[in-house]
Structure formats: C-alpha cells, structure tokens
Amino acid sequence: MGYFDIEHLSISFGGLKAVNDISFSVEKNEIFSIIGPNGSGKTTIFNLISGIYHPNAGTVRLEGENLVGKTPDRIAKKGVARTFQNIELFANATVMDNLMLGRHIFMKTGIFGGAFMWGKHSRAAREEIAHREKVENIVDFLELQSVRDHFVGSLAYGKRKLIEVGRALALEPKVMLLDEPSAGMNTEEKDDLTIWIKDIREDYNVTILLIEHDMNMIMGISDRVLAMSQGQKIVLGTPQEVQKHPEVIKAYLGEEGAIEC
C-alpha cells in the first residue's frame, strides 16, 4: 500500500461509466499527473477523491485511511485540498480575504468569538494573527504582494488561477489536487507556475496530483503520468513512456506519430 491509493474506483451516470475500475498509487512527495482527452474522466476522479461524488465502487486511501463516505470538509481536514477547472473564488473579496478562507478548517473561536474579539490579547485575536501570518507567508511565496489587497474580480484570469492555488495551500494539505492550473496563463506565467508547483512539493512537503492539457508542463514536471480515455486507464508510466505509447497517441491524435512537447 502506498501513501495515497486509489483502488478499483468506479462511477456511472445513467448508462455512462465515467470512471471504470481505476487503480493507482501515489508516493509521498510525488508529482503525479493525469492526462486524457476531454470527457476521459480526469476531473471526475478529483470529484470522487474530494467527496463531491460518491463512487459506485472502490476506495480512496490517504496513509491507509479510507476517505470514501466522508464529506468534502472532512476530507479537507484529513489533508486533501484542490483547485477547480472553473475558478471557485469570491470575486468581490480581496486576495487576502480569499486566502484566509483557506484557513477556515483551523478556526476554533466560532462566529461570535471572531466578531467580538474583546481586545488584542483574546484567543480570537491571537488566532486571527496566527492565521494571517500563515497567509502572508503564502502571499510572499507566490509573489502576490502587489495584489494582496485587490479585489479578485479585478485581476487577470491567470492571476486568479494562482490565487486559487494559494488558497488550497492555505489548507496545509498533505495532498493537493490541481485541476488545469495553467489554463488562461501565458507562457511566462506557466513557467513560473511550474517552478511554484515544484517548490510546493519541496518547501511545503505536499504530494501533488495534476490534471493538465499543456503537454510541455506535464512532461517537464511529472514523476509519473496516468493516461486515460473514456473512463479507463490506457497506460501508467514515466512521462517518456506515456508520450510514446501508441494508444495515447491514438487518443490524442487519432493516428500514429509522436505527441510533440
């Protein structure tokens, strides 16, 4: 058994098998990528892991504990954080406010205590200071100082994607699920994101599962890659092995030839 294990995971919607008997293990601190054409089941796997969907069969184990059946907030508390294809941020709140939301699972004073902190030495005030310090570290890490007090809705799409990564990081995850984090980014932003993902793995000791359509990023950042099509596994291996696999080439190109990266 590995650090993070997916075992015989399946789910159907009506007569469609969106994920069909998928199994794989991810080692601690690995960057593990999932690729495949649209509709291949990649995001559905993330939804099953994070508790948004309940599988028809299979288990999701983190450090040996089965997460299936737990609510999304309980799964987050167990150490799984994620980003989404479609940005899930509050546009009318500041960057700092959105990042602070990532600390909600650690807050203990409650709404009343937070609203009435009763002075700078109260437990609520001390908690607020501690959480803000954590978030300020993330702002510095992701170089968001220049926009920390800006409303998220006023920022470029690529910058908002980065903020969503920061909010997931604020949850202090053991495992981070990144769903197409480079979507909407220009080449320079993608290059920076690649470095940050590697740094998150190293500096924050996080295991990363990545869904991404940018093959240059996939091949340059991944330890291993799972290729899927129509809810099923095609091949699991190193980026070079997966890139050259004939079924992967067929799924992406519909004909023989290497996937260019």
Protein backbone atom coordinates (compact mmCIF):
# COMPACT_ATOMS: atom_id res chain seq x y z
CA MET A 1 0.00 0.00 0.00
CA GLY A 2 1.33 3.42 -0.95
CA TYR A 3 0.96 6.86 0.58
CA PHE A 4 -2.16 7.73 -1.44
CA ASP A 5 -4.05 4.85 -3.03
CA ILE A 6 -6.95 4.73 -5.49
CA GLU A 7 -8.35 1.20 -5.65
CA HIS A 8 -10.90 -0.03 -8.24
CA LEU A 9 -12.66 3.33 -8.37
CA SER A 10 -15.82 3.41 -10.49
CA ILE A 11 -18.82 5.68 -11.01
CA SER A 12 -21.61 5.74 -13.59
CA PHE A 13 -24.04 8.47 -14.57
CA GLY A 14 -27.05 6.77 -16.08
CA GLY A 15 -25.61 4.28 -18.52
CA LEU A 16 -22.28 6.10 -18.88
CA LYS A 17 -19.28 4.71 -17.00
CA ALA A 18 -17.45 7.96 -16.30
CA VAL A 19 -14.70 6.19 -14.31
CA ASN A 20 -14.30 2.46 -14.81
CA ASP A 21 -12.23 0.41 -12.31
CA ILE A 22 -9.34 2.86 -11.98
CA SER A 23 -6.48 1.98 -9.60
CA PHE A 24 -3.16 3.70 -8.94
CA SER A 25 -0.87 4.59 -6.03
CA VAL A 26 0.94 7.88 -5.47
CA GLU A 27 4.08 8.06 -3.36
CA LYS A 28 4.69 10.78 -0.79
CA ASN A 29 6.03 13.99 -2.40
CA GLU A 30 5.41 12.66 -5.91
CA ILE A 31 4.06 14.84 -8.72
CA PHE A 32 1.56 12.51 -10.39
CA SER A 33 -0.26 13.73 -13.50
CA ILE A 34 -3.45 12.54 -15.17
CA ILE A 35 -3.93 13.24 -18.87
CA GLY A 36 -6.56 12.41 -21.44
CA PRO A 37 -8.96 13.98 -23.92
CA ASN A 38 -11.97 15.95 -22.68
CA GLY A 39 -14.54 13.60 -21.16
CA SER A 40 -12.00 10.93 -20.26
CA GLY A 41 -12.87 11.04 -16.55
CA LYS A 42 -9.99 13.07 -15.13
CA THR A 43 -11.99 15.67 -13.19
CA THR A 44 -14.49 13.01 -12.14
CA ILE A 45 -11.63 11.25 -10.33
CA PHE A 46 -10.83 14.50 -8.49
CA ASN A 47 -14.52 14.87 -7.59
CA LEU A 48 -14.52 11.32 -6.21
CA ILE A 49 -11.34 11.93 -4.21
CA SER A 50 -12.61 15.19 -2.70
CA GLY A 51 -16.06 13.81 -1.78
CA ILE A 52 -18.14 15.78 -4.28
CA TYR A 53 -19.17 12.47 -5.87
CA HIS A 54 -19.66 9.15 -4.10
CA PRO A 55 -18.27 6.18 -6.08
CA ASN A 56 -20.31 3.13 -7.03
CA ALA A 57 -17.28 1.06 -6.07
CA GLY A 58 -13.72 1.47 -4.87
CA THR A 59 -11.71 3.19 -2.18
CA VAL A 60 -9.56 6.31 -1.77
CA ARG A 61 -6.94 5.87 0.95
CA LEU A 62 -4.62 8.50 2.39
CA GLU A 63 -1.98 7.00 4.67
CA GLY A 64 -4.15 3.88 4.86
CA GLU A 65 -7.39 5.66 5.87
CA ASN A 66 -10.37 5.30 3.52
CA LEU A 67 -11.81 8.72 2.61
CA VAL A 68 -14.84 7.39 0.73
CA GLY A 69 -18.06 8.31 2.51
CA LYS A 70 -16.60 11.37 4.20
CA THR A 71 -17.92 14.85 3.41
CA PRO A 72 -15.74 17.31 1.45
CA ASP A 73 -14.96 19.34 4.60
CA ARG A 74 -13.88 16.21 6.49
CA ILE A 75 -11.68 15.17 3.57
CA ALA A 76 -10.11 18.64 3.59
CA LYS A 77 -9.39 18.24 7.31
CA LYS A 78 -7.73 14.91 6.57
CA GLY A 79 -5.30 16.74 4.29
CA VAL A 80 -6.71 16.90 0.74
CA ALA A 81 -7.03 20.30 -0.96
CA ARG A 82 -7.94 21.11 -4.55
CA THR A 83 -8.38 23.72 -7.22
CA PHE A 84 -11.06 23.64 -9.92
CA GLN A 85 -11.26 23.98 -13.71
CA ASN A 86 -13.67 26.86 -13.20
CA ILE A 87 -12.30 29.27 -10.62
CA GLU A 88 -14.06 29.00 -7.24
CA LEU A 89 -13.11 32.34 -5.68
CA PHE A 90 -15.10 35.27 -4.30
CA ALA A 91 -14.72 37.99 -6.95
CA ASN A 92 -15.91 40.79 -4.64
CA ALA A 93 -13.44 39.92 -1.89
CA THR A 94 -9.74 40.75 -1.71
CA VAL A 95 -6.91 38.34 -2.38
CA MET A 96 -6.17 38.25 1.36
CA ASP A 97 -9.80 37.51 2.20
CA ASN A 98 -9.90 34.64 -0.29
CA LEU A 99 -6.68 33.17 1.05
CA MET A 100 -7.95 33.50 4.63
CA LEU A 101 -10.95 31.35 3.64
CA GLY A 102 -8.48 28.53 3.17
CA ARG A 103 -7.80 28.69 6.92
CA HIS A 104 -11.43 28.08 7.92
CA ILE A 105 -10.90 24.43 8.88
CA PHE A 106 -8.39 25.52 11.54
CA MET A 107 -10.52 28.25 13.12
CA LYS A 108 -11.76 27.41 16.62
CA THR A 109 -13.26 30.60 18.07
CA GLY A 110 -16.52 30.49 16.07
CA ILE A 111 -18.53 33.30 14.54
CA PHE A 112 -19.37 35.04 17.81
CA GLY A 113 -15.80 34.96 19.07
CA GLY A 114 -14.48 36.19 15.75
CA ALA A 115 -16.94 39.08 15.62
CA PHE A 116 -16.21 40.21 19.17
CA MET A 117 -12.51 39.64 19.74
CA TRP A 118 -12.53 41.58 23.05
CA GLY A 119 -9.08 43.07 22.64
CA LYS A 120 -5.78 42.17 21.09
CA HIS A 121 -4.93 39.54 23.73
CA SER A 122 -8.12 37.48 23.35
CA ARG A 123 -7.98 33.96 21.95
CA ALA A 124 -9.88 35.08 18.84
CA ALA A 125 -7.41 37.90 18.23
CA ARG A 126 -4.40 35.62 18.69
CA GLU A 127 -5.96 33.11 16.31
CA GLU A 128 -6.59 35.81 13.71
CA ILE A 129 -2.96 36.95 13.91
CA ALA A 130 -1.65 33.39 13.56
CA HIS A 131 -3.83 32.67 10.51
CA ARG A 132 -2.86 35.96 8.86
CA GLU A 133 0.79 35.15 9.37
CA LYS A 134 0.29 31.83 7.56
CA VAL A 135 -1.46 33.60 4.70
CA GLU A 136 1.17 36.35 4.49
CA ASN A 137 3.79 33.62 4.02
CA ILE A 138 1.79 32.27 1.07
CA VAL A 139 1.47 35.79 -0.40
CA ASP A 140 5.26 36.12 -0.25
CA PHE A 141 5.82 32.61 -1.60
CA LEU A 142 3.59 33.16 -4.66
CA GLU A 143 4.75 36.76 -5.10
CA LEU A 144 1.26 38.21 -4.67
CA GLN A 145 2.32 41.24 -2.61
CA SER A 146 1.35 43.74 -5.31
CA VAL A 147 -2.26 42.47 -5.45
CA ARG A 148 -2.82 41.30 -1.86
CA ASP A 149 -5.48 43.98 -1.19
CA HIS A 150 -7.05 43.97 -4.67
CA PHE A 151 -10.49 42.52 -5.34
CA VAL A 152 -10.11 39.18 -7.08
CA GLY A 153 -12.65 40.08 -9.76
CA SER A 154 -10.38 42.89 -10.98
CA LEU A 155 -7.42 40.60 -11.67
CA ALA A 156 -6.37 38.77 -14.82
CA TYR A 157 -7.56 35.18 -15.18
CA GLY A 158 -4.08 33.72 -14.84
CA LYS A 159 -3.51 35.59 -11.60
CA ARG A 160 -6.82 34.31 -10.22
CA LYS A 161 -5.76 30.75 -11.00
CA LEU A 162 -2.61 31.33 -8.98
CA ILE A 163 -4.64 32.71 -6.07
CA GLU A 164 -6.73 29.54 -6.09
CA VAL A 165 -3.53 27.52 -5.76
CA GLY A 166 -2.64 29.75 -2.80
CA ARG A 167 -5.99 29.17 -1.14
CA ALA A 168 -5.54 25.41 -1.47
CA LEU A 169 -2.07 25.77 0.04
CA ALA A 170 -3.58 27.66 2.99
CA LEU A 171 -5.34 24.42 3.96
CA GLU A 172 -1.90 22.95 4.77
CA PRO A 173 -2.62 19.88 2.64
CA LYS A 174 -0.83 16.57 2.54
CA VAL A 175 -2.19 16.04 -0.98
CA MET A 176 -3.07 18.83 -3.43
CA LEU A 177 -5.30 18.24 -6.46
CA LEU A 178 -4.59 20.78 -9.20
CA ASP A 179 -7.20 20.75 -11.97
CA GLU A 180 -5.79 22.51 -15.06
CA PRO A 181 -3.98 25.19 -13.02
CA SER A 182 -2.27 26.74 -16.06
CA ALA A 183 -5.50 27.37 -18.02
CA GLY A 184 -5.62 31.01 -19.13
CA MET A 185 -1.97 31.66 -18.33
CA ASN A 186 0.59 32.99 -20.78
CA THR A 187 3.93 31.26 -21.36
CA GLU A 188 5.77 33.24 -18.69
CA GLU A 189 3.04 32.55 -16.11
CA LYS A 190 3.12 28.84 -16.95
CA ASP A 191 6.88 28.75 -16.50
CA ASP A 192 6.51 30.44 -13.11
CA LEU A 193 3.72 28.03 -12.13
CA THR A 194 5.91 25.05 -12.98
CA ILE A 195 8.57 26.34 -10.58
CA TRP A 196 5.97 27.03 -7.86
CA ILE A 197 4.49 23.54 -8.12
CA LYS A 198 7.94 22.03 -7.66
CA ASP A 199 8.57 24.40 -4.74
CA ILE A 200 5.24 23.49 -3.13
CA ARG A 201 6.32 19.86 -3.25
CA GLU A 202 9.72 20.64 -1.74
CA ASP A 203 9.07 23.56 0.64
CA TYR A 204 5.61 22.55 1.87
CA ASN A 205 6.12 18.76 1.72
CA VAL A 206 3.00 18.29 -0.43
CA THR A 207 2.12 15.39 -2.72
CA ILE A 208 0.60 16.69 -5.95
CA LEU A 209 -1.95 15.22 -8.35
CA LEU A 210 -2.15 17.29 -11.51
CA ILE A 211 -4.64 17.41 -14.39
CA GLU A 212 -3.24 19.48 -17.23
CA HIS A 213 -3.64 19.81 -21.00
CA ASP A 214 -0.30 21.58 -21.52
CA MET A 215 1.91 18.65 -22.51
CA ASN A 216 5.09 20.68 -22.12
CA MET A 217 4.26 21.19 -18.46
CA ILE A 218 3.21 17.56 -17.98
CA MET A 219 6.40 16.17 -19.47
CA GLY A 220 8.63 18.65 -17.66
CA ILE A 221 7.17 18.36 -14.17
CA SER A 222 5.73 14.88 -13.66
CA ASP A 223 7.35 11.93 -11.92
CA ARG A 224 4.71 9.62 -13.41
CA VAL A 225 1.73 10.05 -15.71
CA LEU A 226 -1.60 8.22 -15.96
CA ALA A 227 -3.21 8.44 -19.40
CA MET A 228 -6.97 7.88 -19.62
CA SER A 229 -9.62 7.61 -22.29
CA GLN A 230 -13.37 7.12 -21.87
CA GLY A 231 -13.09 6.49 -18.14
CA GLN A 232 -10.43 3.81 -18.42
CA LYS A 233 -6.68 3.63 -17.91
CA ILE A 234 -4.61 3.49 -21.08
CA VAL A 235 -1.15 3.40 -19.53
CA LEU A 236 0.69 4.45 -16.37
CA GLY A 237 4.41 5.20 -16.52
CA THR A 238 7.11 7.81 -16.83
CA PRO A 239 6.34 10.86 -19.00
CA GLN A 240 8.57 9.48 -21.75
CA GLU A 241 6.88 6.06 -21.70
CA VAL A 242 3.40 7.56 -21.78
CA GLN A 243 4.25 10.06 -24.51
CA LYS A 244 5.35 7.28 -26.87
CA HIS A 245 2.56 4.79 -26.09
CA PRO A 246 0.55 4.05 -29.28
CA GLU A 247 -2.84 4.15 -27.52
CA VAL A 248 -2.03 7.55 -26.03
CA ILE A 249 -1.01 8.84 -29.44
CA LYS A 250 -4.25 7.48 -30.92
CA ALA A 251 -6.38 9.05 -28.18
CA TYR A 252 -4.77 12.47 -28.71
CA LEU A 253 -4.10 12.47 -32.44
CA GLY A 254 -6.24 9.71 -33.91
CA GLU A 255 -3.27 8.45 -35.86
CA GLU A 256 0.27 7.15 -35.44
CA GLY A 257 3.03 9.62 -34.56
CA ALA A 258 4.66 11.10 -31.50
CA ILE A 259 2.98 13.68 -29.30
CA GLU A 260 5.02 16.84 -29.69
CA CYS A 261 6.10 18.55 -26.45
